[in-house]
Protein backbone atom coordinates (compact mmCIF):
# COMPACT_ATOMS: atom_id res chain seq x y z
CA UNK A 1 107.03 107.96 116.08
CA UNK A 2 104.31 105.63 114.87
CA UNK A 3 102.65 105.40 111.46
CA UNK A 4 99.88 103.19 110.09
CA UNK A 5 100.01 102.15 106.46
CA UNK A 6 97.22 100.45 104.57
CA UNK A 7 98.66 97.75 102.30
CA UNK A 8 96.68 95.87 99.65
CA UNK A 9 97.62 92.46 98.30
CA UNK A 10 98.76 90.65 101.46
CA UNK A 11 97.16 87.22 101.77
CA UNK A 12 99.05 85.22 104.38
CA UNK A 13 102.07 84.66 106.59
CA UNK A 14 104.56 84.80 103.74
CA UNK A 15 103.25 88.23 102.73
CA UNK A 16 103.51 89.43 106.31
CA UNK A 17 107.10 88.19 106.51
CA UNK A 18 108.12 89.95 103.26
CA UNK A 19 106.62 93.29 104.29
CA UNK A 20 108.10 93.09 107.79
CA UNK A 21 111.58 92.28 106.45
CA UNK A 22 111.42 95.08 103.87
CA UNK A 23 110.45 97.65 106.48
CA UNK A 24 112.86 96.56 109.20
CA UNK A 25 115.76 96.77 106.74
CA UNK A 26 115.19 100.53 106.57
CA UNK A 27 117.43 102.52 108.89
CA UNK A 28 115.37 104.01 111.68
CA UNK A 29 112.54 101.45 111.63
CA UNK A 30 112.37 99.76 115.02
CA UNK A 31 109.25 97.64 114.87
CA UNK A 32 106.22 96.58 112.89
CA UNK A 33 102.83 95.09 113.66
CA UNK A 34 100.99 93.65 110.69
CA UNK A 35 97.38 92.52 110.39
CA UNK A 36 97.17 90.69 107.08
CA UNK A 37 93.36 90.40 107.16
CA UNK A 38 92.78 94.16 107.41
CA UNK A 39 95.95 95.19 105.54
CA UNK A 40 97.05 97.42 108.45
CA UNK A 41 100.77 97.84 108.98
CA UNK A 42 101.83 99.78 112.05
CA UNK A 43 105.42 100.98 112.00
CA UNK A 44 107.48 102.37 114.86
CA UNK A 45 110.33 104.48 113.54
CA UNK A 46 112.67 107.43 113.99
CA UNK A 47 111.56 110.19 111.63
CA UNK A 48 115.15 111.47 111.48
CA UNK A 49 116.04 108.42 109.38
CA UNK A 50 112.91 106.97 107.77
CA UNK A 51 110.00 108.63 105.96
CA UNK A 52 106.55 107.46 104.94
CA UNK A 53 107.60 107.57 101.29
CA UNK A 54 110.62 105.34 101.99
CA UNK A 55 108.36 102.82 103.74
CA UNK A 56 105.84 102.87 100.91
CA UNK A 57 108.61 102.27 98.36
CA UNK A 58 109.97 99.33 100.40
CA UNK A 59 106.50 97.75 100.52
CA UNK A 60 105.93 98.43 96.81
CA UNK A 61 109.26 96.77 95.93
CA UNK A 62 107.93 93.55 97.49
CA UNK A 63 104.94 93.58 95.13
CA UNK A 64 102.27 95.03 97.44
CA UNK A 65 100.25 98.20 97.09
CA UNK A 66 100.57 100.80 99.85
CA UNK A 67 97.50 103.05 99.92
CA UNK A 68 97.45 106.67 101.08
């Protein structure tokens, strides 16, 4: 399954790295594509293990604001 999150507050490569690491640590998340400029985070995951809310919480814990 694929999901697109909108994330506010990312400004550069370090932000991208933090968000990617936080998401890939979740069981069931298999890949991420992040566009820092637009704030788009595309996540490939197994919905049996990971949920949108879990992903949003992981991003929030890194200090960024997931929208939607």
